[in-house]
Amino acid sequence: IQRGYIDVDEYTIKIPENYSVEALPKNVTEENKFGTY
């Protein structure tokens, strides 16, 4: 891998007032010799 890099994204999602969130996906971290996700 000649050039390492980092890519960071952030999304904000507005939920309507009369909606409720039942569950969210679990946070995930994967790390190995090639990098991190």
PDB file of all heavy atoms in Angstrom:
ATOM      1  N   ILE A   1       0.886  -1.163   0.000  1.00  0.00           N
ATOM      2  CA  ILE A   1       0.000   0.000   0.000  1.00  0.00           C
ATOM      3  C   ILE A   1       0.922   1.210   0.000  1.00  0.00           C
ATOM      4  O   ILE A   1       1.606   1.470   0.988  1.00  0.00           O
ATOM      5  CB  ILE A   1      -0.938   0.001   1.232  1.00  0.00           C
ATOM      6  CG1 ILE A   1      -1.819  -1.244   1.215  1.00  0.00           C
ATOM      7  CG2 ILE A   1      -1.791   1.270   1.232  1.00  0.00           C
ATOM      8  CD1 ILE A   1      -2.699  -1.413   2.438  1.00  0.00           C
ATOM      9  N   GLN A   2       0.964   1.901  -1.131  1.00  0.00           N
ATOM     10  CA  GLN A   2       1.923   2.990  -1.298  1.00  0.00           C
ATOM     11  C   GLN A   2       1.524   4.253  -0.539  1.00  0.00           C
ATOM     12  O   GLN A   2       2.387   5.012  -0.119  1.00  0.00           O
ATOM     13  CB  GLN A   2       2.107   3.308  -2.777  1.00  0.00           C
ATOM     14  CG  GLN A   2       2.765   2.188  -3.529  1.00  0.00           C
ATOM     15  CD  GLN A   2       2.972   2.530  -4.991  1.00  0.00           C
ATOM     16  OE1 GLN A   2       2.503   3.546  -5.490  1.00  0.00           O
ATOM     17  NE2 GLN A   2       3.680   1.659  -5.698  1.00  0.00           N
ATOM     18  N   ARG A   3       0.235   4.454  -0.404  1.00  0.00           N
ATOM     19  CA  ARG A   3      -0.222   5.665   0.279  1.00  0.00           C
ATOM     20  C   ARG A   3      -1.319   5.302   1.277  1.00  0.00           C
ATOM     21  O   ARG A   3      -2.377   4.818   0.899  1.00  0.00           O
ATOM     22  CB  ARG A   3      -0.797   6.666  -0.709  1.00  0.00           C
ATOM     23  CG  ARG A   3       0.216   7.200  -1.652  1.00  0.00           C
ATOM     24  CD  ARG A   3      -0.395   8.207  -2.571  1.00  0.00           C
ATOM     25  NE  ARG A   3       0.368   8.158  -3.806  1.00  0.00           N
ATOM     26  CZ  ARG A   3       0.020   8.734  -4.914  1.00  0.00           C
ATOM     27  NH1 ARG A   3      -1.092   9.411  -4.982  1.00  0.00           N
ATOM     28  NH2 ARG A   3       0.776   8.641  -5.977  1.00  0.00           N
ATOM     29  N   GLY A   4      -1.061   5.540   2.519  1.00  0.00           N
ATOM     30  CA  GLY A   4      -2.102   5.362   3.518  1.00  0.00           C
ATOM     31  C   GLY A   4      -3.053   6.546   3.470  1.00  0.00           C
ATOM     32  O   GLY A   4      -2.740   7.596   2.899  1.00  0.00           O
ATOM     33  N   TYR A   5      -4.215   6.366   4.028  1.00  0.00           N
ATOM     34  CA  TYR A   5      -5.170   7.478   4.069  1.00  0.00           C
ATOM     35  C   TYR A   5      -6.183   7.265   5.187  1.00  0.00           C
ATOM     36  O   TYR A   5      -6.295   6.184   5.758  1.00  0.00           O
ATOM     37  CB  TYR A   5      -5.885   7.653   2.724  1.00  0.00           C
ATOM     38  CG  TYR A   5      -6.816   6.517   2.344  1.00  0.00           C
ATOM     39  CD1 TYR A   5      -8.166   6.565   2.679  1.00  0.00           C
ATOM     40  CD2 TYR A   5      -6.351   5.416   1.649  1.00  0.00           C
ATOM     41  CE1 TYR A   5      -9.013   5.525   2.334  1.00  0.00           C
ATOM     42  CE2 TYR A   5      -7.187   4.388   1.291  1.00  0.00           C
ATOM     43  CZ  TYR A   5      -8.523   4.444   1.633  1.00  0.00           C
ATOM     44  OH  TYR A   5      -9.361   3.415   1.292  1.00  0.00           O
ATOM     45  N   ILE A   6      -6.909   8.323   5.469  1.00  0.00           N
ATOM     46  CA  ILE A   6      -7.968   8.272   6.453  1.00  0.00           C
ATOM     47  C   ILE A   6      -9.211   8.905   5.829  1.00  0.00           C
ATOM     48  O   ILE A   6      -9.116   9.912   5.129  1.00  0.00           O
ATOM     49  CB  ILE A   6      -7.571   8.973   7.769  1.00  0.00           C
ATOM     50  CG1 ILE A   6      -8.618   8.728   8.840  1.00  0.00           C
ATOM     51  CG2 ILE A   6      -7.347  10.449   7.557  1.00  0.00           C
ATOM     52  CD1 ILE A   6      -8.145   9.113  10.229  1.00  0.00           C
ATOM     53  N   ASP A   7     -10.349   8.283   6.050  1.00  0.00           N
ATOM     54  CA  ASP A   7     -11.623   8.773   5.526  1.00  0.00           C
ATOM     55  C   ASP A   7     -12.597   8.840   6.691  1.00  0.00           C
ATOM     56  O   ASP A   7     -12.829   7.828   7.361  1.00  0.00           O
ATOM     57  CB  ASP A   7     -12.141   7.831   4.442  1.00  0.00           C
ATOM     58  CG  ASP A   7     -13.401   8.334   3.771  1.00  0.00           C
ATOM     59  OD1 ASP A   7     -13.559   9.563   3.673  1.00  0.00           O
ATOM     60  OD2 ASP A   7     -14.228   7.506   3.357  1.00  0.00           O
ATOM     61  N   VAL A   8     -13.140  10.017   6.962  1.00  0.00           N
ATOM     62  CA  VAL A   8     -14.055  10.217   8.079  1.00  0.00           C
ATOM     63  C   VAL A   8     -15.358  10.807   7.542  1.00  0.00           C
ATOM     64  O   VAL A   8     -15.331  11.789   6.796  1.00  0.00           O
ATOM     65  CB  VAL A   8     -13.447  11.163   9.137  1.00  0.00           C
ATOM     66  CG1 VAL A   8     -14.413  11.396  10.281  1.00  0.00           C
ATOM     67  CG2 VAL A   8     -12.125  10.613   9.650  1.00  0.00           C
ATOM     68  N   ASP A   9     -16.461  10.180   7.910  1.00  0.00           N
ATOM     69  CA  ASP A   9     -17.784  10.670   7.520  1.00  0.00           C
ATOM     70  C   ASP A   9     -18.657  10.815   8.758  1.00  0.00           C
ATOM     71  O   ASP A   9     -18.519  10.045   9.716  1.00  0.00           O
ATOM     72  CB  ASP A   9     -18.480   9.687   6.570  1.00  0.00           C
ATOM     73  CG  ASP A   9     -17.763   9.530   5.260  1.00  0.00           C
ATOM     74  OD1 ASP A   9     -17.470  10.564   4.634  1.00  0.00           O
ATOM     75  OD2 ASP A   9     -17.492   8.386   4.859  1.00  0.00           O
ATOM     76  N   GLU A  10     -19.558  11.783   8.717  1.00  0.00           N
ATOM     77  CA  GLU A  10     -20.540  11.950   9.792  1.00  0.00           C
ATOM     78  C   GLU A  10     -21.853  12.386   9.172  1.00  0.00           C
ATOM     79  O   GLU A  10     -21.891  13.327   8.374  1.00  0.00           O
ATOM     80  CB  GLU A  10     -20.068  12.989  10.806  1.00  0.00           C
ATOM     81  CG  GLU A  10     -21.026  13.148  11.958  1.00  0.00           C
ATOM     82  CD  GLU A  10     -20.501  14.055  13.053  1.00  0.00           C
ATOM     83  OE1 GLU A  10     -19.294  13.998  13.358  1.00  0.00           O
ATOM     84  OE2 GLU A  10     -21.311  14.823  13.605  1.00  0.00           O
ATOM     85  N   TYR A  11     -22.913  11.667   9.525  1.00  0.00           N
ATOM     86  CA  TYR A  11     -24.251  11.966   9.028  1.00  0.00           C
ATOM     87  C   TYR A  11     -25.169  12.231  10.203  1.00  0.00           C
ATOM     88  O   TYR A  11     -25.115  11.536  11.214  1.00  0.00           O
ATOM     89  CB  TYR A  11     -24.817  10.795   8.209  1.00  0.00           C
ATOM     90  CG  TYR A  11     -23.994  10.463   7.004  1.00  0.00           C
ATOM     91  CD1 TYR A  11     -23.041   9.455   7.036  1.00  0.00           C
ATOM     92  CD2 TYR A  11     -24.151  11.181   5.824  1.00  0.00           C
ATOM     93  CE1 TYR A  11     -22.272   9.153   5.927  1.00  0.00           C
ATOM     94  CE2 TYR A  11     -23.384  10.881   4.704  1.00  0.00           C
ATOM     95  CZ  TYR A  11     -22.457   9.863   4.770  1.00  0.00           C
ATOM     96  OH  TYR A  11     -21.695   9.573   3.668  1.00  0.00           O
ATOM     97  N   THR A  12     -26.016  13.230  10.056  1.00  0.00           N
ATOM     98  CA  THR A  12     -27.006  13.558  11.066  1.00  0.00           C
ATOM     99  C   THR A  12     -28.382  13.344  10.467  1.00  0.00           C
ATOM    100  O   THR A  12     -28.683  13.884   9.398  1.00  0.00           O
ATOM    101  CB  THR A  12     -26.848  15.024  11.516  1.00  0.00           C
ATOM    102  OG1 THR A  12     -25.518  15.217  11.994  1.00  0.00           O
ATOM    103  CG2 THR A  12     -27.827  15.380  12.605  1.00  0.00           C
ATOM    104  N   ILE A  13     -29.201  12.556  11.154  1.00  0.00           N
ATOM    105  CA  ILE A  13     -30.542  12.218  10.661  1.00  0.00           C
ATOM    106  C   ILE A  13     -31.561  12.738  11.667  1.00  0.00           C
ATOM    107  O   ILE A  13     -31.561  12.329  12.834  1.00  0.00           O
ATOM    108  CB  ILE A  13     -30.691  10.693  10.499  1.00  0.00           C
ATOM    109  CG1 ILE A  13     -29.608  10.174   9.568  1.00  0.00           C
ATOM    110  CG2 ILE A  13     -32.087  10.343  10.004  1.00  0.00           C
ATOM    111  CD1 ILE A  13     -29.399   8.685   9.645  1.00  0.00           C
ATOM    112  N   LYS A  14     -32.415  13.646  11.225  1.00  0.00           N
ATOM    113  CA  LYS A  14     -33.468  14.193  12.082  1.00  0.00           C
ATOM    114  C   LYS A  14     -34.681  13.263  12.055  1.00  0.00           C
ATOM    115  O   LYS A  14     -35.144  12.876  10.990  1.00  0.00           O
ATOM    116  CB  LYS A  14     -33.896  15.582  11.609  1.00  0.00           C
ATOM    117  CG  LYS A  14     -32.808  16.620  11.662  1.00  0.00           C
ATOM    118  CD  LYS A  14     -32.643  17.129  13.061  1.00  0.00           C
ATOM    119  CE  LYS A  14     -31.646  18.284  13.043  1.00  0.00           C
ATOM    120  NZ  LYS A  14     -31.450  18.858  14.311  1.00  0.00           N
ATOM    121  N   ILE A  15     -35.192  12.931  13.222  1.00  0.00           N
ATOM    122  CA  ILE A  15     -36.359  12.074  13.355  1.00  0.00           C
ATOM    123  C   ILE A  15     -37.574  12.967  13.633  1.00  0.00           C
ATOM    124  O   ILE A  15     -37.500  13.863  14.483  1.00  0.00           O
ATOM    125  CB  ILE A  15     -36.169  11.086  14.528  1.00  0.00           C
ATOM    126  CG1 ILE A  15     -34.886  10.280  14.363  1.00  0.00           C
ATOM    127  CG2 ILE A  15     -37.378  10.169  14.678  1.00  0.00           C
ATOM    128  CD1 ILE A  15     -34.844   9.412  13.142  1.00  0.00           C
ATOM    129  N   PRO A  16     -38.704  12.753  12.936  1.00  0.00           N
ATOM    130  CA  PRO A  16     -39.906  13.557  13.200  1.00  0.00           C
ATOM    131  C   PRO A  16     -40.333  13.460  14.666  1.00  0.00           C
ATOM    132  O   PRO A  16     -40.098  12.446  15.335  1.00  0.00           O
ATOM    133  CB  PRO A  16     -40.958  12.942  12.278  1.00  0.00           C
ATOM    134  CG  PRO A  16     -40.176  12.289  11.186  1.00  0.00           C
ATOM    135  CD  PRO A  16     -38.915  11.805  11.836  1.00  0.00           C
ATOM    136  N   GLU A  17     -40.948  14.500  15.160  1.00  0.00           N
ATOM    137  CA  GLU A  17     -41.352  14.603  16.571  1.00  0.00           C
ATOM    138  C   GLU A  17     -42.198  13.420  17.041  1.00  0.00           C
ATOM    139  O   GLU A  17     -42.060  12.954  18.151  1.00  0.00           O
ATOM    140  CB  GLU A  17     -42.115  15.912  16.813  1.00  0.00           C
ATOM    141  CG  GLU A  17     -41.268  17.154  16.664  1.00  0.00           C
ATOM    142  CD  GLU A  17     -40.270  17.310  17.785  1.00  0.00           C
ATOM    143  OE1 GLU A  17     -40.546  16.869  18.916  1.00  0.00           O
ATOM    144  OE2 GLU A  17     -39.193  17.872  17.520  1.00  0.00           O
ATOM    145  N   ASN A  18     -43.093  12.927  16.208  1.00  0.00           N
ATOM    146  CA  ASN A  18     -44.012  11.873  16.640  1.00  0.00           C
ATOM    147  C   ASN A  18     -43.439  10.462  16.421  1.00  0.00           C
ATOM    148  O   ASN A  18     -44.152   9.484  16.587  1.00  0.00           O
ATOM    149  CB  ASN A  18     -45.365  12.012  15.939  1.00  0.00           C
ATOM    150  CG  ASN A  18     -45.238  12.031  14.427  1.00  0.00           C
ATOM    151  OD1 ASN A  18     -44.155  12.225  13.902  1.00  0.00           O
ATOM    152  ND2 ASN A  18     -46.332  11.845  13.735  1.00  0.00           N
ATOM    153  N   TYR A  19     -42.165  10.351  16.072  1.00  0.00           N
ATOM    154  CA  TYR A  19     -41.512   9.053  15.889  1.00  0.00           C
ATOM    155  C   TYR A  19     -40.614   8.764  17.092  1.00  0.00           C
ATOM    156  O   TYR A  19     -40.159   9.677  17.770  1.00  0.00           O
ATOM    157  CB  TYR A  19     -40.630   9.049  14.639  1.00  0.00           C
ATOM    158  CG  TYR A  19     -41.383   8.908  13.355  1.00  0.00           C
ATOM    159  CD1 TYR A  19     -42.331   9.850  12.964  1.00  0.00           C
ATOM    160  CD2 TYR A  19     -41.146   7.848  12.508  1.00  0.00           C
ATOM    161  CE1 TYR A  19     -43.021   9.726  11.780  1.00  0.00           C
ATOM    162  CE2 TYR A  19     -41.820   7.721  11.305  1.00  0.00           C
ATOM    163  CZ  TYR A  19     -42.756   8.662  10.949  1.00  0.00           C
ATOM    164  OH  TYR A  19     -43.435   8.542   9.768  1.00  0.00           O
ATOM    165  N   SER A  20     -40.361   7.489  17.338  1.00  0.00           N
ATOM    166  CA  SER A  20     -39.419   7.114  18.384  1.00  0.00           C
ATOM    167  C   SER A  20     -38.471   6.056  17.819  1.00  0.00           C
ATOM    168  O   SER A  20     -38.835   5.282  16.939  1.00  0.00           O
ATOM    169  CB  SER A  20     -40.131   6.577  19.617  1.00  0.00           C
ATOM    170  OG  SER A  20     -40.826   5.386  19.308  1.00  0.00           O
ATOM    171  N   VAL A  21     -37.273   6.030  18.354  1.00  0.00           N
ATOM    172  CA  VAL A  21     -36.262   5.075  17.912  1.00  0.00           C
ATOM    173  C   VAL A  21     -36.310   3.875  18.855  1.00  0.00           C
ATOM    174  O   VAL A  21     -36.128   4.016  20.065  1.00  0.00           O
ATOM    175  CB  VAL A  21     -34.859   5.715  17.921  1.00  0.00           C
ATOM    176  CG1 VAL A  21     -33.793   4.697  17.556  1.00  0.00           C
ATOM    177  CG2 VAL A  21     -34.829   6.899  16.975  1.00  0.00           C
ATOM    178  N   GLU A  22     -36.571   2.689  18.301  1.00  0.00           N
ATOM    179  CA  GLU A  22     -36.637   1.472  19.111  1.00  0.00           C
ATOM    180  C   GLU A  22     -35.244   0.912  19.397  1.00  0.00           C
ATOM    181  O   GLU A  22     -35.004   0.387  20.478  1.00  0.00           O
ATOM    182  CB  GLU A  22     -37.474   0.411  18.412  1.00  0.00           C
ATOM    183  CG  GLU A  22     -38.933   0.755  18.322  1.00  0.00           C
ATOM    184  CD  GLU A  22     -39.738  -0.349  17.650  1.00  0.00           C
ATOM    185  OE1 GLU A  22     -39.177  -1.442  17.385  1.00  0.00           O
ATOM    186  OE2 GLU A  22     -40.911  -0.119  17.387  1.00  0.00           O
ATOM    187  N   ALA A  23     -34.358   1.004  18.414  1.00  0.00           N
ATOM    188  CA  ALA A  23     -33.022   0.429  18.582  1.00  0.00           C
ATOM    189  C   ALA A  23     -32.062   1.060  17.582  1.00  0.00           C
ATOM    190  O   ALA A  23     -32.478   1.563  16.547  1.00  0.00           O
ATOM    191  CB  ALA A  23     -33.065  -1.075  18.369  1.00  0.00           C
ATOM    192  N   LEU A  24     -30.796   1.022  17.925  1.00  0.00           N
ATOM    193  CA  LEU A  24     -29.729   1.464  17.036  1.00  0.00           C
ATOM    194  C   LEU A  24     -28.777   0.297  16.825  1.00  0.00           C
ATOM    195  O   LEU A  24     -28.634  -0.565  17.692  1.00  0.00           O
ATOM    196  CB  LEU A  24     -28.946   2.625  17.661  1.00  0.00           C
ATOM    197  CG  LEU A  24     -29.646   3.961  17.772  1.00  0.00           C
ATOM    198  CD1 LEU A  24     -28.776   4.938  18.555  1.00  0.00           C
ATOM    199  CD2 LEU A  24     -29.960   4.535  16.409  1.00  0.00           C
ATOM    200  N   PRO A  25     -28.093   0.259  15.681  1.00  0.00           N
ATOM    201  CA  PRO A  25     -27.072  -0.775  15.487  1.00  0.00           C
ATOM    202  C   PRO A  25     -25.955  -0.619  16.522  1.00  0.00           C
ATOM    203  O   PRO A  25     -25.725   0.471  17.052  1.00  0.00           O
ATOM    204  CB  PRO A  25     -26.537  -0.498  14.087  1.00  0.00           C
ATOM    205  CG  PRO A  25     -27.600   0.292  13.418  1.00  0.00           C
ATOM    206  CD  PRO A  25     -28.261   1.093  14.491  1.00  0.00           C
ATOM    207  N   LYS A  26     -25.264  -1.702  16.796  1.00  0.00           N
ATOM    208  CA  LYS A  26     -24.145  -1.661  17.736  1.00  0.00           C
ATOM    209  C   LYS A  26     -22.954  -0.943  17.097  1.00  0.00           C
ATOM    210  O   LYS A  26     -22.760  -1.000  15.886  1.00  0.00           O
ATOM    211  CB  LYS A  26     -23.720  -3.075  18.119  1.00  0.00           C
ATOM    212  CG  LYS A  26     -24.731  -3.792  18.960  1.00  0.00           C
ATOM    213  CD  LYS A  26     -24.210  -5.148  19.364  1.00  0.00           C
ATOM    214  CE  LYS A  26     -25.245  -5.842  20.237  1.00  0.00           C
ATOM    215  NZ  LYS A  26     -24.760  -7.157  20.684  1.00  0.00           N
ATOM    216  N   ASN A  27     -22.177  -0.279  17.932  1.00  0.00           N
ATOM    217  CA  ASN A  27     -20.928   0.320  17.474  1.00  0.00           C
ATOM    218  C   ASN A  27     -19.953  -0.797  17.139  1.00  0.00           C
ATOM    219  O   ASN A  27     -19.932  -1.839  17.804  1.00  0.00           O
ATOM    220  CB  ASN A  27     -20.343   1.233  18.543  1.00  0.00           C
ATOM    221  CG  ASN A  27     -21.230   2.429  18.820  1.00  0.00           C
ATOM    222  OD1 ASN A  27     -22.053   2.802  18.000  1.00  0.00           O
ATOM    223  ND2 ASN A  27     -21.068   3.018  19.979  1.00  0.00           N
ATOM    224  N   VAL A  28     -19.139  -0.587  16.105  1.00  0.00           N
ATOM    225  CA  VAL A  28     -18.208  -1.617  15.647  1.00  0.00           C
ATOM    226  C   VAL A  28     -16.826  -1.008  15.461  1.00  0.00           C
ATOM    227  O   VAL A  28     -16.697   0.080  14.903  1.00  0.00           O
ATOM    228  CB  VAL A  28     -18.680  -2.227  14.300  1.00  0.00           C
ATOM    229  CG1 VAL A  28     -17.652  -3.197  13.753  1.00  0.00           C
ATOM    230  CG2 VAL A  28     -20.035  -2.886  14.444  1.00  0.00           C
ATOM    231  N   THR A  29     -15.811  -1.734  15.918  1.00  0.00           N
ATOM    232  CA  THR A  29     -14.421  -1.369  15.646  1.00  0.00           C
ATOM    233  C   THR A  29     -13.685  -2.624  15.199  1.00  0.00           C
ATOM    234  O   THR A  29     -13.696  -3.631  15.896  1.00  0.00           O
ATOM    235  CB  THR A  29     -13.733  -0.787  16.902  1.00  0.00           C
ATOM    236  OG1 THR A  29     -14.449   0.371  17.327  1.00  0.00           O
ATOM    237  CG2 THR A  29     -12.290  -0.408  16.609  1.00  0.00           C
ATOM    238  N   GLU A  30     -13.088  -2.557  14.035  1.00  0.00           N
ATOM    239  CA  GLU A  30     -12.278  -3.651  13.495  1.00  0.00           C
ATOM    240  C   GLU A  30     -10.885  -3.105  13.247  1.00  0.00           C
ATOM    241  O   GLU A  30     -10.730  -2.056  12.631  1.00  0.00           O
ATOM    242  CB  GLU A  30     -12.861  -4.184  12.188  1.00  0.00           C
ATOM    243  CG  GLU A  30     -14.206  -4.850  12.329  1.00  0.00           C
ATOM    244  CD  GLU A  30     -14.135  -6.190  13.043  1.00  0.00           C
ATOM    245  OE1 GLU A  30     -13.080  -6.841  12.999  1.00  0.00           O
ATOM    246  OE2 GLU A  30     -15.150  -6.560  13.650  1.00  0.00           O
ATOM    247  N   GLU A  31      -9.885  -3.837  13.735  1.00  0.00           N
ATOM    248  CA  GLU A  31      -8.505  -3.382  13.560  1.00  0.00           C
ATOM    249  C   GLU A  31      -7.625  -4.565  13.165  1.00  0.00           C
ATOM    250  O   GLU A  31      -7.762  -5.654  13.719  1.00  0.00           O
ATOM    251  CB  GLU A  31      -7.990  -2.758  14.861  1.00  0.00           C
ATOM    252  CG  GLU A  31      -6.664  -2.091  14.731  1.00  0.00           C
ATOM    253  CD  GLU A  31      -6.295  -1.275  15.957  1.00  0.00           C
ATOM    254  OE1 GLU A  31      -7.138  -1.058  16.834  1.00  0.00           O
ATOM    255  OE2 GLU A  31      -5.128  -0.861  16.013  1.00  0.00           O
ATOM    256  N   ASN A  32      -6.762  -4.348  12.191  1.00  0.00           N
ATOM    257  CA  ASN A  32      -5.770  -5.348  11.807  1.00  0.00           C
ATOM    258  C   ASN A  32      -4.529  -4.627  11.300  1.00  0.00           C
ATOM    259  O   ASN A  32      -4.431  -3.407  11.406  1.00  0.00           O
ATOM    260  CB  ASN A  32      -6.338  -6.352  10.789  1.00  0.00           C
ATOM    261  CG  ASN A  32      -6.762  -5.696   9.496  1.00  0.00           C
ATOM    262  OD1 ASN A  32      -6.189  -4.695   9.079  1.00  0.00           O
ATOM    263  ND2 ASN A  32      -7.768  -6.251   8.852  1.00  0.00           N
ATOM    264  N   LYS A  33      -3.592  -5.375  10.730  1.00  0.00           N
ATOM    265  CA  LYS A  33      -2.318  -4.768  10.315  1.00  0.00           C
ATOM    266  C   LYS A  33      -2.475  -3.774   9.173  1.00  0.00           C
ATOM    267  O   LYS A  33      -1.629  -2.919   8.967  1.00  0.00           O
ATOM    268  CB  LYS A  33      -1.309  -5.843   9.932  1.00  0.00           C
ATOM    269  CG  LYS A  33      -1.720  -6.706   8.753  1.00  0.00           C
ATOM    270  CD  LYS A  33      -0.689  -7.797   8.503  1.00  0.00           C
ATOM    271  CE  LYS A  33      -1.152  -8.721   7.395  1.00  0.00           C
ATOM    272  NZ  LYS A  33      -0.194  -9.821   7.194  1.00  0.00           N
ATOM    273  N   PHE A  34      -3.566  -3.849   8.410  1.00  0.00           N
ATOM    274  CA  PHE A  34      -3.805  -2.944   7.287  1.00  0.00           C
ATOM    275  C   PHE A  34      -4.421  -1.613   7.706  1.00  0.00           C
ATOM    276  O   PHE A  34      -4.337  -0.634   6.999  1.00  0.00           O
ATOM    277  CB  PHE A  34      -4.707  -3.594   6.245  1.00  0.00           C
ATOM    278  CG  PHE A  34      -4.173  -4.891   5.721  1.00  0.00           C
ATOM    279  CD1 PHE A  34      -4.791  -6.078   6.046  1.00  0.00           C
ATOM    280  CD2 PHE A  34      -3.052  -4.927   4.906  1.00  0.00           C
ATOM    281  CE1 PHE A  34      -4.302  -7.284   5.567  1.00  0.00           C
ATOM    282  CE2 PHE A  34      -2.555  -6.122   4.422  1.00  0.00           C
ATOM    283  CZ  PHE A  34      -3.180  -7.304   4.762  1.00  0.00           C
ATOM    284  N   GLY A  35      -5.095  -1.590   8.862  1.00  0.00           N
ATOM    285  CA  GLY A  35      -5.730  -0.356   9.294  1.00  0.00           C
ATOM    286  C   GLY A  35      -6.855  -0.597  10.274  1.00  0.00           C
ATOM    287  O   GLY A  35      -6.930  -1.641  10.926  1.00  0.00           O
ATOM    288  N   THR A  36      -7.758   0.378  10.339  1.00  0.00           N
ATOM    289  CA  THR A  36      -8.859   0.357  11.296  1.00  0.00           C
ATOM    290  C   THR A  36     -10.146   0.819  10.625  1.00  0.00           C
ATOM    291  O   THR A  36     -10.121   1.745   9.805  1.00  0.00           O
ATOM    292  CB  THR A  36      -8.565   1.307  12.478  1.00  0.00           C
ATOM    293  OG1 THR A  36      -7.308   0.962  13.039  1.00  0.00           O
ATOM    294  CG2 THR A  36      -9.627   1.242  13.541  1.00  0.00           C
ATOM    295  N   TYR A  37     -11.262   0.178  11.000  1.00  0.00           N
ATOM    296  CA  TYR A  37     -12.593   0.588  10.548  1.00  0.00           C
ATOM    297  C   TYR A  37     -13.460   0.726  11.785  1.00  0.00           C
ATOM    298  O   TYR A  37     -13.493  -0.181  12.630  1.00  0.00           O
ATOM    299  CB  TYR A  37     -13.197  -0.445   9.600  1.00  0.00           C
ATOM    300  CG  TYR A  37     -14.569  -0.079   9.110  1.00  0.00           C
ATOM    301  CD1 TYR A  37     -14.741   0.905   8.155  1.00  0.00           C
ATOM    302  CD2 TYR A  37     -15.700  -0.698   9.613  1.00  0.00           C
ATOM    303  CE1 TYR A  37     -16.002   1.259   7.707  1.00  0.00           C
ATOM    304  CE2 TYR A  37     -16.962  -0.353   9.182  1.00  0.00           C
ATOM    305  CZ  TYR A  37     -17.105   0.618   8.217  1.00  0.00           C
ATOM    306  OH  TYR A  37     -18.347   0.974   7.791  1.00  0.00           O
TER     307      TYR A  37
END
